[in-house]
Protein backbone atom coordinates (compact mmCIF):
# COMPACT_ATOMS: atom_id res chain seq x y z
CA MET A 1 0.00 0.00 0.00
CA SER A 2 1.28 3.48 -0.83
CA ALA A 3 1.74 6.02 1.94
CA PRO A 4 -0.90 8.75 1.74
CA SER A 5 0.11 12.19 0.54
CA ILE A 6 -0.42 15.07 2.95
CA VAL A 7 -1.26 18.43 1.42
CA PRO A 8 -1.05 21.41 3.81
CA LEU A 9 -3.67 24.13 3.34
CA PRO A 10 -2.51 26.88 5.71
CA SER A 11 -5.08 29.65 5.30
CA ILE A 12 -8.70 30.30 4.42
CA GLN A 13 -7.60 32.29 1.37
CA ASP A 14 -5.96 29.23 -0.17
CA GLN A 15 -7.79 27.54 -2.98
CA MET A 16 -6.82 23.97 -3.67
CA HIS A 17 -6.25 22.93 -7.26
CA MET A 18 -5.84 19.19 -7.68
CA SER A 19 -5.85 16.82 -10.56
CA GLU A 20 -6.00 13.10 -10.90
CA PRO A 21 -3.00 12.94 -13.23
CA LEU A 22 -4.07 9.83 -15.06
CA ALA A 23 -6.88 7.57 -13.99
CA ASP A 24 -6.26 3.85 -14.06
CA LYS A 25 -5.80 2.79 -17.67
CA ARG A 26 -8.56 0.20 -17.40
CA ALA A 27 -11.12 1.74 -15.07
CA ALA A 28 -12.53 5.00 -13.83
CA THR A 29 -11.55 6.53 -10.49
CA ILE A 30 -14.28 7.86 -8.20
CA LEU A 31 -12.85 10.72 -6.09
CA HIS A 32 -14.70 11.85 -2.97
CA GLU A 33 -14.08 14.64 -0.45
CA GLY A 34 -16.73 14.59 2.25
CA CYS A 35 -16.02 17.84 4.12
CA HIS A 36 -16.24 20.25 1.20
CA THR A 37 -18.27 20.82 -1.88
CA PHE A 38 -15.60 21.34 -4.51
CA GLN A 39 -15.84 22.96 -7.92
CA ILE A 40 -14.93 20.96 -11.01
CA VAL A 41 -12.98 23.61 -12.92
CA GLY A 42 -11.18 21.47 -15.50
CA TRP A 43 -11.16 18.06 -17.15
CA GLY A 44 -9.65 16.31 -20.13
CA ARG A 45 -8.03 13.21 -21.59
CA GLY A 46 -4.52 12.09 -20.72
CA LEU A 47 -2.13 13.65 -18.26
CA PHE A 48 -2.86 17.05 -16.75
CA GLY A 49 -0.43 19.68 -18.05
CA GLU A 50 0.16 23.40 -18.01
CA SER A 51 -1.11 23.83 -21.55
CA SER A 52 -4.38 22.88 -23.14
CA LYS A 53 -2.94 22.48 -26.64
CA GLY A 54 -4.21 18.95 -27.09
CA GLU A 55 -0.78 17.33 -27.45
CA GLU A 56 -0.42 13.57 -27.19
CA ASP A 57 0.73 12.42 -23.77
CA GLY A 58 3.02 9.71 -25.15
CA ASP A 59 1.35 6.98 -23.10
CA GLY A 60 -1.56 6.14 -25.35
CA GLY A 61 -3.92 8.14 -23.19
CA GLY A 62 -4.84 10.77 -25.74
CA ALA A 63 -4.53 14.52 -25.70
CA THR A 64 -3.33 16.53 -22.72
CA GLY A 65 -5.78 19.33 -23.42
CA THR A 66 -7.84 20.55 -20.50
CA THR A 67 -11.32 22.00 -20.87
CA TRP A 68 -11.70 24.79 -18.31
CA ASN A 69 -14.89 26.14 -16.75
CA LEU A 70 -13.97 28.90 -14.31
CA GLU A 71 -17.14 30.97 -14.84
CA ASN A 72 -19.83 28.62 -13.51
CA PRO A 73 -18.24 25.32 -12.43
CA MET A 74 -20.24 22.33 -11.21
CA ARG A 75 -20.19 21.79 -7.45
CA ARG A 76 -19.88 18.24 -6.14
CA ASP A 77 -18.38 16.16 -3.33
CA THR A 78 -17.68 13.23 -5.67
CA VAL A 79 -16.42 13.12 -9.25
CA THR A 80 -15.79 10.22 -11.61
CA VAL A 81 -12.52 10.47 -13.54
CA PRO A 82 -12.72 8.27 -16.66
CA ALA A 83 -9.80 6.02 -17.65
CA PHE A 84 -7.00 7.92 -19.45
CA SER A 85 -8.30 11.22 -18.04
CA HIS A 86 -7.75 13.96 -15.48
CA VAL A 87 -9.88 16.36 -13.48
CA VAL A 88 -9.04 19.62 -11.72
CA ILE A 89 -11.00 20.56 -8.60
CA ARG A 90 -11.01 23.71 -6.49
CA PHE A 91 -12.37 24.58 -3.08
CA VAL A 92 -11.89 27.22 -0.41
CA ALA A 93 -10.00 25.94 2.63
CA ASP A 94 -12.45 27.21 5.26
CA ASN A 95 -12.92 24.08 7.42
CA PRO A 96 -9.95 23.40 9.76
CA GLY A 97 -9.18 19.72 10.16
CA LEU A 98 -7.60 16.67 8.58
CA TRP A 99 -9.77 15.58 5.66
CA ALA A 100 -9.52 12.80 3.10
CA LEU A 101 -9.70 13.06 -0.68
CA HIS A 102 -9.98 9.46 -1.75
CA CYS A 103 -11.23 7.00 -4.31
CA HIS A 104 -14.35 5.01 -3.48
CA VAL A 105 -12.98 1.93 -5.25
CA ALA A 106 -11.30 0.06 -2.36
CA TRP A 107 -8.37 -1.36 -4.31
CA HIS A 108 -7.70 2.08 -5.87
CA MET A 109 -7.48 3.62 -2.40
CA GLU A 110 -5.19 0.81 -1.27
CA GLY A 111 -3.04 1.53 -4.32
CA GLY A 112 -2.51 5.14 -3.30
CA ARG A 113 -5.52 7.13 -4.43
CA PHE A 114 -5.83 8.75 -1.02
CA VAL A 115 -4.69 12.25 -0.07
CA SER A 116 -4.85 13.74 3.43
CA LEU A 117 -5.66 17.45 3.40
CA ALA A 118 -4.27 19.16 6.51
CA GLU A 119 -6.49 22.21 6.37
CA ARG A 120 -5.45 25.23 8.43
CA PRO A 121 -3.52 23.18 11.02
CA GLY A 122 -2.73 26.31 13.06
CA ASP A 123 -6.45 27.00 13.50
CA LEU A 124 -7.05 23.35 14.37
CA VAL A 125 -4.50 23.51 17.21
CA GLU A 126 -6.22 26.65 18.50
CA LEU A 127 -9.65 24.97 18.35
CA VAL A 128 -8.37 21.97 20.32
CA ASP A 129 -6.72 24.26 22.88
CA LYS A 130 -10.07 26.02 23.45
CA MET A 131 -12.05 22.76 23.70
CA ASP A 132 -14.03 22.34 26.92
CA PRO A 133 -12.48 19.74 29.29
CA GLU A 134 -15.23 17.10 28.95
CA THR A 135 -15.17 17.19 25.13
CA ARG A 136 -11.36 16.97 25.22
CA ARG A 137 -11.53 13.94 27.56
CA LEU A 138 -14.04 12.15 25.33
CA SER A 139 -12.00 12.93 22.21
CA GLN A 140 -8.79 11.65 23.78
CA SER A 141 -10.59 8.52 24.99
CA PHE A 142 -11.95 7.86 21.49
CA CYS A 143 -8.58 8.48 19.82
CA GLY A 144 -6.94 6.01 22.20
CA MET A 145 -9.24 3.13 21.22
CA ARG A 146 -8.22 0.34 18.91
CA GLY A 147 -9.85 0.44 15.49
CA ASP A 148 -12.22 -2.45 16.21
CA GLN A 149 -13.56 -0.63 19.28
CA GLN A 150 -14.18 2.68 17.50
CA ALA A 151 -16.89 1.28 15.25
CA SER A 152 -18.86 -0.12 18.18
CA GLY A 153 -18.43 2.97 20.35
CA ALA A 154 -17.00 0.80 23.16
CA ASP A 155 -14.42 2.35 25.45
CA ASP A 156 -13.41 0.91 28.80
CA GLY A 157 -16.53 -1.23 29.14
CA GLU A 158 -18.50 1.35 31.11
CA PRO A 159 -21.78 2.68 29.72
CA ALA A 160 -21.65 6.12 28.15
């Protein structure tokens, strides 16, 4: 399994531009980001590149041209990237936290189609510092559980 990429998003003014450089050559990739509604601002066949000239990508994937829609882009939380294609998404980083941009096809995610977005980590530290003591205790208790306990909500065996 590939290690996930971590993309820092330090301020609310940042806008994230991402592309799926080349979807799996045999199957589509389904990208999902659950904590934002992103804008689909570009898409095209082949590898994403700086130009939209429509040049061949040299890998049999077709042209590298990107169709841009910056005026009135679609807003989604999930986008399908066809095989031999790319997509460019944009969103405003206004939600401090650690969020996942990932593929909904399990073996794609295992193969590395997972990106951690560390959004405004400075603000996140401040939010945690200001957390009321009981919420902090519950959060620390939850974070200390093993994965199989988290799904059931079990902690130390005492009722909640």
